[in-house]
Amino acid sequence: MLLTTTNTIEGKEITQYFGIVSGETIIGANVFKDFFAGIRDIVGGRSGSYEGVLREAKETALKEMSDHAARMGANAVIAVDLDFETVGGSGSMLMVTAAGTAVRYQ
């Protein structure tokens, strides 16, 4: 399945549009990751634990979107957009949404 943020596929002809597809995931970060990320924020540097959670959430949302497109008969999703939000009472949950247009190209 081809995923692209562009509205066209260079050198290819889009022969069919199936419509909008999306994938969503919500992942919570655990207390230990929060604690160590807080320490890292104080001393500076990147928070590897949060980066890993973010990457996992993004990949899950993209896979869910791709699976939805494949069930429709598409072989690509164009105009892919990713949205990242924190949710929950203390913002301890991360929601990632991937959306795009399912198409068939030749």
PDB file of N, CA and C in Angstrom:
ATOM      1  N   MET A   1       0.855  -1.181   0.000  1.00  0.00           N
ATOM      2  CA  MET A   1       0.000   0.000   0.000  1.00  0.00           C
ATOM      3  C   MET A   1       0.894   1.235   0.000  1.00  0.00           C
ATOM      4  N   LEU A   2       0.699   2.077  -0.993  1.00  0.00           N
ATOM      5  CA  LEU A   2       1.451   3.329  -1.080  1.00  0.00           C
ATOM      6  C   LEU A   2       0.740   4.391  -0.250  1.00  0.00           C
ATOM      7  N   LEU A   3       1.491   5.058   0.613  1.00  0.00           N
ATOM      8  CA  LEU A   3       0.968   6.172   1.409  1.00  0.00           C
ATOM      9  C   LEU A   3       1.764   7.411   1.047  1.00  0.00           C
ATOM     10  N   THR A   4       1.064   8.506   0.743  1.00  0.00           N
ATOM     11  CA  THR A   4       1.758   9.734   0.393  1.00  0.00           C
ATOM     12  C   THR A   4       0.995  10.950   0.913  1.00  0.00           C
ATOM     13  N   THR A   5       1.737  11.987   1.239  1.00  0.00           N
ATOM     14  CA  THR A   5       1.102  13.221   1.698  1.00  0.00           C
ATOM     15  C   THR A   5       0.694  14.110   0.531  1.00  0.00           C
ATOM     16  N   THR A   6       1.101  13.746  -0.669  1.00  0.00           N
ATOM     17  CA  THR A   6       0.761  14.548  -1.845  1.00  0.00           C
ATOM     18  C   THR A   6      -0.626  14.181  -2.370  1.00  0.00           C
ATOM     19  N   ASN A   7      -1.179  15.055  -3.217  1.00  0.00           N
ATOM     20  CA  ASN A   7      -2.514  14.822  -3.783  1.00  0.00           C
ATOM     21  C   ASN A   7      -2.478  14.013  -5.073  1.00  0.00           C
ATOM     22  N   THR A   8      -1.289  13.773  -5.586  1.00  0.00           N
ATOM     23  CA  THR A   8      -1.122  12.997  -6.808  1.00  0.00           C
ATOM     24  C   THR A   8       0.015  12.001  -6.594  1.00  0.00           C
ATOM     25  N   ILE A   9       0.137  11.065  -7.526  1.00  0.00           N
ATOM     26  CA  ILE A   9       1.246  10.117  -7.500  1.00  0.00           C
ATOM     27  C   ILE A   9       2.014  10.349  -8.793  1.00  0.00           C
ATOM     28  N   GLU A  10       3.181  10.936  -8.669  1.00  0.00           N
ATOM     29  CA  GLU A  10       3.949  11.341  -9.849  1.00  0.00           C
ATOM     30  C   GLU A  10       4.195  10.160 -10.781  1.00  0.00           C
ATOM     31  N   GLY A  11       3.869  10.363 -12.053  1.00  0.00           N
ATOM     32  CA  GLY A  11       4.087   9.337 -13.066  1.00  0.00           C
ATOM     33  C   GLY A  11       3.030   8.255 -13.104  1.00  0.00           C
ATOM     34  N   LYS A  12       2.033   8.353 -12.264  1.00  0.00           N
ATOM     35  CA  LYS A  12       0.964   7.347 -12.211  1.00  0.00           C
ATOM     36  C   LYS A  12      -0.379   8.025 -12.439  1.00  0.00           C
ATOM     37  N   GLU A  13      -1.321   7.247 -12.939  1.00  0.00           N
ATOM     38  CA  GLU A  13      -2.668   7.756 -13.152  1.00  0.00           C
ATOM     39  C   GLU A  13      -3.600   7.183 -12.087  1.00  0.00           C
ATOM     40  N   ILE A  14      -4.294   8.062 -11.392  1.00  0.00           N
ATOM     41  CA  ILE A  14      -5.295   7.616 -10.420  1.00  0.00           C
ATOM     42  C   ILE A  14      -6.554   7.285 -11.207  1.00  0.00           C
ATOM     43  N   THR A  15      -6.988   6.034 -11.108  1.00  0.00           N
ATOM     44  CA  THR A  15      -8.123   5.566 -11.903  1.00  0.00           C
ATOM     45  C   THR A  15      -9.428   5.496 -11.118  1.00  0.00           C
ATOM     46  N   GLN A  16      -9.333   5.486  -9.796  1.00  0.00           N
ATOM     47  CA  GLN A  16     -10.550   5.390  -8.990  1.00  0.00           C
ATOM     48  C   GLN A  16     -10.325   6.013  -7.611  1.00  0.00           C
ATOM     49  N   TYR A  17     -11.313   6.758  -7.162  1.00  0.00           N
ATOM     50  CA  TYR A  17     -11.307   7.350  -5.823  1.00  0.00           C
ATOM     51  C   TYR A  17     -12.348   6.616  -4.982  1.00  0.00           C
ATOM     52  N   PHE A  18     -11.956   6.145  -3.807  1.00  0.00           N
ATOM     53  CA  PHE A  18     -12.865   5.418  -2.928  1.00  0.00           C
ATOM     54  C   PHE A  18     -13.423   6.278  -1.802  1.00  0.00           C
ATOM     55  N   GLY A  19     -12.748   7.350  -1.472  1.00  0.00           N
ATOM     56  CA  GLY A  19     -13.203   8.226  -0.398  1.00  0.00           C
ATOM     57  C   GLY A  19     -12.211   8.312   0.739  1.00  0.00           C
ATOM     58  N   ILE A  20     -12.624   8.990   1.768  1.00  0.00           N
ATOM     59  CA  ILE A  20     -11.767   9.254   2.928  1.00  0.00           C
ATOM     60  C   ILE A  20     -11.665   8.003   3.795  1.00  0.00           C
ATOM     61  N   VAL A  21     -10.447   7.723   4.228  1.00  0.00           N
ATOM     62  CA  VAL A  21     -10.197   6.637   5.183  1.00  0.00           C
ATOM     63  C   VAL A  21      -9.415   7.225   6.350  1.00  0.00           C
ATOM     64  N   SER A  22      -9.546   6.584   7.498  1.00  0.00           N
ATOM     65  CA  SER A  22      -8.817   7.075   8.667  1.00  0.00           C
ATOM     66  C   SER A  22      -8.439   5.920   9.577  1.00  0.00           C
ATOM     67  N   GLY A  23      -7.502   6.197  10.433  1.00  0.00           N
ATOM     68  CA  GLY A  23      -7.081   5.272  11.477  1.00  0.00           C
ATOM     69  C   GLY A  23      -6.787   6.079  12.713  1.00  0.00           C
ATOM     70  N   GLU A  24      -7.195   5.559  13.842  1.00  0.00           N
ATOM     71  CA  GLU A  24      -6.999   6.279  15.098  1.00  0.00           C
ATOM     72  C   GLU A  24      -6.409   5.333  16.138  1.00  0.00           C
ATOM     73  N   THR A  25      -5.627   5.900  17.010  1.00  0.00           N
ATOM     74  CA  THR A  25      -5.111   5.129  18.135  1.00  0.00           C
ATOM     75  C   THR A  25      -4.929   6.055  19.332  1.00  0.00           C
ATOM     76  N   ILE A  26      -5.156   5.503  20.498  1.00  0.00           N
ATOM     77  CA  ILE A  26      -4.916   6.235  21.745  1.00  0.00           C
ATOM     78  C   ILE A  26      -4.007   5.368  22.600  1.00  0.00           C
ATOM     79  N   ILE A  27      -2.892   5.941  23.009  1.00  0.00           N
ATOM     80  CA  ILE A  27      -1.913   5.205  23.801  1.00  0.00           C
ATOM     81  C   ILE A  27      -1.605   5.999  25.055  1.00  0.00           C
ATOM     82  N   GLY A  28      -1.571   5.317  26.171  1.00  0.00           N
ATOM     83  CA  GLY A  28      -1.219   5.959  27.436  1.00  0.00           C
ATOM     84  C   GLY A  28       0.241   5.728  27.749  1.00  0.00           C
ATOM     85  N   ALA A  29       0.888   6.727  28.274  1.00  0.00           N
ATOM     86  CA  ALA A  29       2.270   6.597  28.731  1.00  0.00           C
ATOM     87  C   ALA A  29       2.237   6.230  30.213  1.00  0.00           C
ATOM     88  N   ASN A  30       3.067   5.281  30.614  1.00  0.00           N
ATOM     89  CA  ASN A  30       2.996   4.840  32.004  1.00  0.00           C
ATOM     90  C   ASN A  30       3.734   5.781  32.954  1.00  0.00           C
ATOM     91  N   VAL A  31       3.544   5.556  34.227  1.00  0.00           N
ATOM     92  CA  VAL A  31       4.077   6.434  35.266  1.00  0.00           C
ATOM     93  C   VAL A  31       5.595   6.501  35.232  1.00  0.00           C
ATOM     94  N   PHE A  32       6.272   5.374  35.006  1.00  0.00           N
ATOM     95  CA  PHE A  32       7.733   5.377  35.002  1.00  0.00           C
ATOM     96  C   PHE A  32       8.276   6.189  33.831  1.00  0.00           C
ATOM     97  N   LYS A  33       7.661   6.043  32.664  1.00  0.00           N
ATOM     98  CA  LYS A  33       8.088   6.842  31.519  1.00  0.00           C
ATOM     99  C   LYS A  33       7.877   8.323  31.823  1.00  0.00           C
ATOM    100  N   ASP A  34       6.722   8.665  32.445  1.00  0.00           N
ATOM    101  CA  ASP A  34       6.453  10.057  32.803  1.00  0.00           C
ATOM    102  C   ASP A  34       7.521  10.585  33.759  1.00  0.00           C
ATOM    103  N   PHE A  35       7.874   9.791  34.748  1.00  0.00           N
ATOM    104  CA  PHE A  35       8.855  10.196  35.743  1.00  0.00           C
ATOM    105  C   PHE A  35      10.211  10.464  35.083  1.00  0.00           C
ATOM    106  N   PHE A  36      10.688   9.508  34.275  1.00  0.00           N
ATOM    107  CA  PHE A  36      12.002   9.668  33.648  1.00  0.00           C
ATOM    108  C   PHE A  36      11.992  10.754  32.584  1.00  0.00           C
ATOM    109  N   ALA A  37      10.878  10.941  31.909  1.00  0.00           N
ATOM    110  CA  ALA A  37      10.783  12.029  30.937  1.00  0.00           C
ATOM    111  C   ALA A  37      10.866  13.372  31.662  1.00  0.00           C
ATOM    112  N   GLY A  38      10.261  13.458  32.855  1.00  0.00           N
ATOM    113  CA  GLY A  38      10.330  14.679  33.649  1.00  0.00           C
ATOM    114  C   GLY A  38      11.757  15.007  34.041  1.00  0.00           C
ATOM    115  N   ILE A  39      12.517  13.994  34.442  1.00  0.00           N
ATOM    116  CA  ILE A  39      13.927  14.196  34.782  1.00  0.00           C
ATOM    117  C   ILE A  39      14.690  14.668  33.551  1.00  0.00           C
ATOM    118  N   ARG A  40      14.428  14.035  32.423  1.00  0.00           N
ATOM    119  CA  ARG A  40      15.128  14.402  31.184  1.00  0.00           C
ATOM    120  C   ARG A  40      14.803  15.847  30.821  1.00  0.00           C
ATOM    121  N   ASP A  41      13.534  16.260  31.018  1.00  0.00           N
ATOM    122  CA  ASP A  41      13.154  17.635  30.719  1.00  0.00           C
ATOM    123  C   ASP A  41      13.932  18.623  31.584  1.00  0.00           C
ATOM    124  N   ILE A  42      14.215  18.248  32.827  1.00  0.00           N
ATOM    125  CA  ILE A  42      14.945  19.129  33.745  1.00  0.00           C
ATOM    126  C   ILE A  42      16.402  19.271  33.304  1.00  0.00           C
ATOM    127  N   VAL A  43      17.041  18.151  32.931  1.00  0.00           N
ATOM    128  CA  VAL A  43      18.462  18.183  32.585  1.00  0.00           C
ATOM    129  C   VAL A  43      18.692  18.395  31.098  1.00  0.00           C
ATOM    130  N   GLY A  44      17.635  18.392  30.310  1.00  0.00           N
ATOM    131  CA  GLY A  44      17.760  18.609  28.866  1.00  0.00           C
ATOM    132  C   GLY A  44      17.910  17.308  28.112  1.00  0.00           C
ATOM    133  N   GLY A  45      17.763  17.387  26.825  1.00  0.00           N
ATOM    134  CA  GLY A  45      17.913  16.202  25.986  1.00  0.00           C
ATOM    135  C   GLY A  45      16.577  15.701  25.482  1.00  0.00           C
ATOM    136  N   ARG A  46      16.649  14.636  24.723  1.00  0.00           N
ATOM    137  CA  ARG A  46      15.453  14.054  24.123  1.00  0.00           C
ATOM    138  C   ARG A  46      14.875  12.983  25.033  1.00  0.00           C
ATOM    139  N   SER A  47      13.571  12.822  24.971  1.00  0.00           N
ATOM    140  CA  SER A  47      12.891  11.801  25.765  1.00  0.00           C
ATOM    141  C   SER A  47      12.626  10.584  24.880  1.00  0.00           C
ATOM    142  N   GLY A  48      13.544   9.636  24.912  1.00  0.00           N
ATOM    143  CA  GLY A  48      13.447   8.440  24.089  1.00  0.00           C
ATOM    144  C   GLY A  48      12.198   7.627  24.356  1.00  0.00           C
ATOM    145  N   SER A  49      11.747   7.585  25.608  1.00  0.00           N
ATOM    146  CA  SER A  49      10.560   6.790  25.919  1.00  0.00           C
ATOM    147  C   SER A  49       9.323   7.382  25.253  1.00  0.00           C
ATOM    148  N   TYR A  50       9.184   8.702  25.304  1.00  0.00           N
ATOM    149  CA  TYR A  50       8.037   9.335  24.646  1.00  0.00           C
ATOM    150  C   TYR A  50       8.143   9.249  23.125  1.00  0.00           C
ATOM    151  N   GLU A  51       9.347   9.364  22.608  1.00  0.00           N
ATOM    152  CA  GLU A  51       9.519   9.239  21.163  1.00  0.00           C
ATOM    153  C   GLU A  51       9.086   7.855  20.688  1.00  0.00           C
ATOM    154  N   GLY A  52       9.411   6.835  21.462  1.00  0.00           N
ATOM    155  CA  GLY A  52       9.004   5.467  21.120  1.00  0.00           C
ATOM    156  C   GLY A  52       7.495   5.295  21.139  1.00  0.00           C
ATOM    157  N   VAL A  53       6.852   5.858  22.151  1.00  0.00           N
ATOM    158  CA  VAL A  53       5.390   5.776  22.251  1.00  0.00           C
ATOM    159  C   VAL A  53       4.750   6.524  21.094  1.00  0.00           C
ATOM    160  N   LEU A  54       5.274   7.675  20.773  1.00  0.00           N
ATOM    161  CA  LEU A  54       4.750   8.472  19.669  1.00  0.00           C
ATOM    162  C   LEU A  54       4.896   7.732  18.343  1.00  0.00           C
ATOM    163  N   ARG A  55       6.048   7.132  18.109  1.00  0.00           N
ATOM    164  CA  ARG A  55       6.299   6.370  16.882  1.00  0.00           C
ATOM    165  C   ARG A  55       5.345   5.182  16.779  1.00  0.00           C
ATOM    166  N   GLU A  56       5.150   4.475  17.879  1.00  0.00           N
ATOM    167  CA  GLU A  56       4.239   3.323  17.900  1.00  0.00           C
ATOM    168  C   GLU A  56       2.807   3.748  17.586  1.00  0.00           C
ATOM    169  N   ALA A  57       2.368   4.846  18.174  1.00  0.00           N
ATOM    170  CA  ALA A  57       1.009   5.340  17.934  1.00  0.00           C
ATOM    171  C   ALA A  57       0.829   5.748  16.477  1.00  0.00           C
ATOM    172  N   LYS A  58       1.823   6.406  15.907  1.00  0.00           N
ATOM    173  CA  LYS A  58       1.759   6.833  14.499  1.00  0.00           C
ATOM    174  C   LYS A  58       1.674   5.625  13.583  1.00  0.00           C
ATOM    175  N   GLU A  59       2.522   4.626  13.800  1.00  0.00           N
ATOM    176  CA  GLU A  59       2.523   3.426  12.956  1.00  0.00           C
ATOM    177  C   GLU A  59       1.203   2.664  13.065  1.00  0.00           C
ATOM    178  N   THR A  60       0.640   2.598  14.250  1.00  0.00           N
ATOM    179  CA  THR A  60      -0.643   1.917  14.441  1.00  0.00           C
ATOM    180  C   THR A  60      -1.757   2.632  13.686  1.00  0.00           C
ATOM    181  N   ALA A  61      -1.810   3.958  13.775  1.00  0.00           N
ATOM    182  CA  ALA A  61      -2.838   4.732  13.073  1.00  0.00           C
ATOM    183  C   ALA A  61      -2.690   4.587  11.562  1.00  0.00           C
ATOM    184  N   LEU A  62      -1.450   4.626  11.047  1.00  0.00           N
ATOM    185  CA  LEU A  62      -1.224   4.466   9.614  1.00  0.00           C
ATOM    186  C   LEU A  62      -1.620   3.069   9.135  1.00  0.00           C
ATOM    187  N   LYS A  63      -1.320   2.049   9.930  1.00  0.00           N
ATOM    188  CA  LYS A  63      -1.688   0.682   9.549  1.00  0.00           C
ATOM    189  C   LYS A  63      -3.196   0.518   9.528  1.00  0.00           C
ATOM    190  N   GLU A  64      -3.872   1.051  10.532  1.00  0.00           N
ATOM    191  CA  GLU A  64      -5.333   0.969  10.578  1.00  0.00           C
ATOM    192  C   GLU A  64      -5.948   1.660   9.358  1.00  0.00           C
ATOM    193  N   MET A  65      -5.423   2.829   8.987  1.00  0.00           N
ATOM    194  CA  MET A  65      -5.905   3.549   7.813  1.00  0.00           C
ATOM    195  C   MET A  65      -5.647   2.739   6.539  1.00  0.00           C
ATOM    196  N   SER A  66      -4.454   2.171   6.412  1.00  0.00           N
ATOM    197  CA  SER A  66      -4.105   1.357   5.246  1.00  0.00           C
ATOM    198  C   SER A  66      -4.998   0.135   5.120  1.00  0.00           C
ATOM    199  N   ASP A  67      -5.258  -0.517   6.233  1.00  0.00           N
ATOM    200  CA  ASP A  67      -6.136  -1.696   6.232  1.00  0.00           C
ATOM    201  C   ASP A  67      -7.536  -1.329   5.763  1.00  0.00           C
ATOM    202  N   HIS A  68      -8.033  -0.192   6.222  1.00  0.00           N
ATOM    203  CA  HIS A  68      -9.351   0.294   5.815  1.00  0.00           C
ATOM    204  C   HIS A  68      -9.373   0.524   4.299  1.00  0.00           C
ATOM    205  N   ALA A  69      -8.334   1.157   3.768  1.00  0.00           N
ATOM    206  CA  ALA A  69      -8.248   1.426   2.334  1.00  0.00           C
ATOM    207  C   ALA A  69      -8.184   0.118   1.533  1.00  0.00           C
ATOM    208  N   ALA A  70      -7.408  -0.840   2.006  1.00  0.00           N
ATOM    209  CA  ALA A  70      -7.280  -2.122   1.309  1.00  0.00           C
ATOM    210  C   ALA A  70      -8.624  -2.858   1.245  1.00  0.00           C
ATOM    211  N   ARG A  71      -9.389  -2.798   2.316  1.00  0.00           N
ATOM    212  CA  ARG A  71     -10.712  -3.438   2.323  1.00  0.00           C
ATOM    213  C   ARG A  71     -11.644  -2.806   1.293  1.00  0.00           C
ATOM    214  N   MET A  72     -11.408  -1.560   0.958  1.00  0.00           N
ATOM    215  CA  MET A  72     -12.223  -0.861  -0.043  1.00  0.00           C
ATOM    216  C   MET A  72     -11.764  -1.189  -1.474  1.00  0.00           C
ATOM    217  N   GLY A  73     -10.579  -1.786  -1.622  1.00  0.00           N
ATOM    218  CA  GLY A  73     -10.038  -2.093  -2.935  1.00  0.00           C
ATOM    219  C   GLY A  73      -8.970  -1.128  -3.409  1.00  0.00           C
ATOM    220  N   ALA A  74      -8.531  -0.234  -2.553  1.00  0.00           N
ATOM    221  CA  ALA A  74      -7.514   0.759  -2.922  1.00  0.00           C
ATOM    222  C   ALA A  74      -6.116   0.145  -2.870  1.00  0.00           C
ATOM    223  N   ASN A  75      -5.203   0.731  -3.630  1.00  0.00           N
ATOM    224  CA  ASN A  75      -3.806   0.327  -3.532  1.00  0.00           C
ATOM    225  C   ASN A  75      -2.909   1.496  -3.105  1.00  0.00           C
ATOM    226  N   ALA A  76      -3.541   2.627  -2.742  1.00  0.00           N
ATOM    227  CA  ALA A  76      -2.793   3.782  -2.246  1.00  0.00           C
ATOM    228  C   ALA A  76      -3.716   4.683  -1.431  1.00  0.00           C
ATOM    229  N   VAL A  77      -3.103   5.471  -0.570  1.00  0.00           N
ATOM    230  CA  VAL A  77      -3.817   6.529   0.144  1.00  0.00           C
ATOM    231  C   VAL A  77      -3.036   7.808  -0.111  1.00  0.00           C
ATOM    232  N   ILE A  78      -3.720   8.808  -0.676  1.00  0.00           N
ATOM    233  CA  ILE A  78      -3.078  10.083  -0.976  1.00  0.00           C
ATOM    234  C   ILE A  78      -3.544  11.140   0.022  1.00  0.00           C
ATOM    235  N   ALA A  79      -2.845  12.272   0.041  1.00  0.00           N
ATOM    236  CA  ALA A  79      -3.177  13.409   0.906  1.00  0.00           C
ATOM    237  C   ALA A  79      -3.252  12.988   2.376  1.00  0.00           C
ATOM    238  N   VAL A  80      -2.317  12.134   2.789  1.00  0.00           N
ATOM    239  CA  VAL A  80      -2.310  11.648   4.174  1.00  0.00           C
ATOM    240  C   VAL A  80      -1.966  12.795   5.117  1.00  0.00           C
ATOM    241  N   ASP A  81      -2.738  12.895   6.194  1.00  0.00           N
ATOM    242  CA  ASP A  81      -2.520  13.911   7.222  1.00  0.00           C
ATOM    243  C   ASP A  81      -2.476  13.218   8.572  1.00  0.00           C
ATOM    244  N   LEU A  82      -1.505  13.570   9.390  1.00  0.00           N
ATOM    245  CA  LEU A  82      -1.390  13.033  10.744  1.00  0.00           C
ATOM    246  C   LEU A  82      -1.721  14.127  11.739  1.00  0.00           C
ATOM    247  N   ASP A  83      -2.485  13.768  12.772  1.00  0.00           N
ATOM    248  CA  ASP A  83      -2.841  14.716  13.821  1.00  0.00           C
ATOM    249  C   ASP A  83      -2.491  14.089  15.160  1.00  0.00           C
ATOM    250  N   PHE A  84      -1.837  14.837  16.026  1.00  0.00           N
ATOM    251  CA  PHE A  84      -1.421  14.366  17.344  1.00  0.00           C
ATOM    252  C   PHE A  84      -2.072  15.238  18.411  1.00  0.00           C
ATOM    253  N   GLU A  85      -2.725  14.611  19.378  1.00  0.00           N
ATOM    254  CA  GLU A  85      -3.393  15.338  20.462  1.00  0.00           C
ATOM    255  C   GLU A  85      -3.166  14.605  21.776  1.00  0.00           C
ATOM    256  N   THR A  86      -3.107  15.352  22.869  1.00  0.00           N
ATOM    257  CA  THR A  86      -3.123  14.724  24.186  1.00  0.00           C
ATOM    258  C   THR A  86      -4.553  14.758  24.694  1.00  0.00           C
ATOM    259  N   VAL A  87      -4.956  13.680  25.333  1.00  0.00           N
ATOM    260  CA  VAL A  87      -6.312  13.570  25.875  1.00  0.00           C
ATOM    261  C   VAL A  87      -6.228  13.005  27.281  1.00  0.00           C
ATOM    262  N   GLY A  88      -7.335  13.022  27.980  1.00  0.00           N
ATOM    263  CA  GLY A  88      -7.364  12.522  29.348  1.00  0.00           C
ATOM    264  C   GLY A  88      -7.282  13.667  30.331  1.00  0.00           C
ATOM    265  N   GLY A  89      -7.619  13.372  31.562  1.00  0.00           N
ATOM    266  CA  GLY A  89      -7.662  14.381  32.599  1.00  0.00           C
ATOM    267  C   GLY A  89      -6.364  15.138  32.785  1.00  0.00           C
ATOM    268  N   SER A  90      -5.262  14.426  32.757  1.00  0.00           N
ATOM    269  CA  SER A  90      -3.964  15.078  32.955  1.00  0.00           C
ATOM    270  C   SER A  90      -3.140  15.111  31.674  1.00  0.00           C
ATOM    271  N   GLY A  91      -3.776  14.829  30.557  1.00  0.00           N
ATOM    272  CA  GLY A  91      -3.054  14.810  29.290  1.00  0.00           C
ATOM    273  C   GLY A  91      -2.102  13.641  29.184  1.00  0.00           C
ATOM    274  N   SER A  92      -2.404  12.545  29.901  1.00  0.00           N
ATOM    275  CA  SER A  92      -1.493  11.403  29.943  1.00  0.00           C
ATOM    276  C   SER A  92      -1.723  10.414  28.802  1.00  0.00           C
ATOM    277  N   MET A  93      -2.709  10.666  27.974  1.00  0.00           N
ATOM    278  CA  MET A  93      -2.986   9.791  26.835  1.00  0.00           C
ATOM    279  C   MET A  93      -2.647  10.542  25.552  1.00  0.00           C
ATOM    280  N   LEU A  94      -2.137   9.826  24.586  1.00  0.00           N
ATOM    281  CA  LEU A  94      -1.792  10.402  23.298  1.00  0.00           C
ATOM    282  C   LEU A  94      -2.709   9.815  22.235  1.00  0.00           C
ATOM    283  N   MET A  95      -3.385  10.694  21.486  1.00  0.00           N
ATOM    284  CA  MET A  95      -4.240  10.250  20.395  1.00  0.00           C
ATOM    285  C   MET A  95      -3.585  10.660  19.084  1.00  0.00           C
ATOM    286  N   VAL A  96      -3.467   9.688  18.181  1.00  0.00           N
ATOM    287  CA  VAL A  96      -2.928   9.960  16.846  1.00  0.00           C
ATOM    288  C   VAL A  96      -3.982   9.543  15.829  1.00  0.00           C
ATOM    289  N   THR A  97      -4.265  10.440  14.901  1.00  0.00           N
ATOM    290  CA  THR A  97      -5.219  10.170  13.837  1.00  0.00           C
ATOM    291  C   THR A  97      -4.515  10.330  12.503  1.00  0.00           C
ATOM    292  N   ALA A  98      -4.689   9.341  11.625  1.00  0.00           N
ATOM    293  CA  ALA A  98      -4.195   9.412  10.253  1.00  0.00           C
ATOM    294  C   ALA A  98      -5.397   9.386   9.338  1.00  0.00           C
ATOM    295  N   ALA A  99      -5.444  10.302   8.361  1.00  0.00           N
ATOM    296  CA  ALA A  99      -6.566  10.347   7.419  1.00  0.00           C
ATOM    297  C   ALA A  99      -6.037  10.683   6.035  1.00  0.00           C
ATOM    298  N   GLY A 100      -6.735  10.179   5.026  1.00  0.00           N
ATOM    299  CA  GLY A 100      -6.354  10.456   3.651  1.00  0.00           C
ATOM    300  C   GLY A 100      -7.440   9.958   2.708  1.00  0.00           C
ATOM    301  N   THR A 101      -7.172  10.009   1.414  1.00  0.00           N
ATOM    302  CA  THR A 101      -8.118   9.576   0.405  1.00  0.00           C
ATOM    303  C   THR A 101      -7.630   8.260  -0.201  1.00  0.00           C
ATOM    304  N   ALA A 102      -8.463   7.231  -0.121  1.00  0.00           N
ATOM    305  CA  ALA A 102      -8.144   5.929  -0.681  1.00  0.00           C
ATOM    306  C   ALA A 102      -8.364   5.973  -2.191  1.00  0.00           C
ATOM    307  N   VAL A 103      -7.371   5.504  -2.954  1.00  0.00           N
ATOM    308  CA  VAL A 103      -7.446   5.529  -4.415  1.00  0.00           C
ATOM    309  C   VAL A 103      -6.871   4.225  -4.980  1.00  0.00           C
ATOM    310  N   ARG A 104      -7.162   4.018  -6.255  1.00  0.00           N
ATOM    311  CA  ARG A 104      -6.518   2.967  -7.045  1.00  0.00           C
ATOM    312  C   ARG A 104      -5.765   3.675  -8.153  1.00  0.00           C
ATOM    313  N   TYR A 105      -4.496   3.295  -8.356  1.00  0.00           N
ATOM    314  CA  TYR A 105      -3.684   3.895  -9.415  1.00  0.00           C
ATOM    315  C   TYR A 105      -3.090   2.802 -10.286  1.00  0.00           C
ATOM    316  N   GLN A 106      -2.679   3.210 -11.487  1.00  0.00           N
ATOM    317  CA  GLN A 106      -1.992   2.283 -12.407  1.00  0.00           C
ATOM    318  C   GLN A 106      -0.617   2.812 -12.719  1.00  0.00           C
TER     319      GLN A 106
END
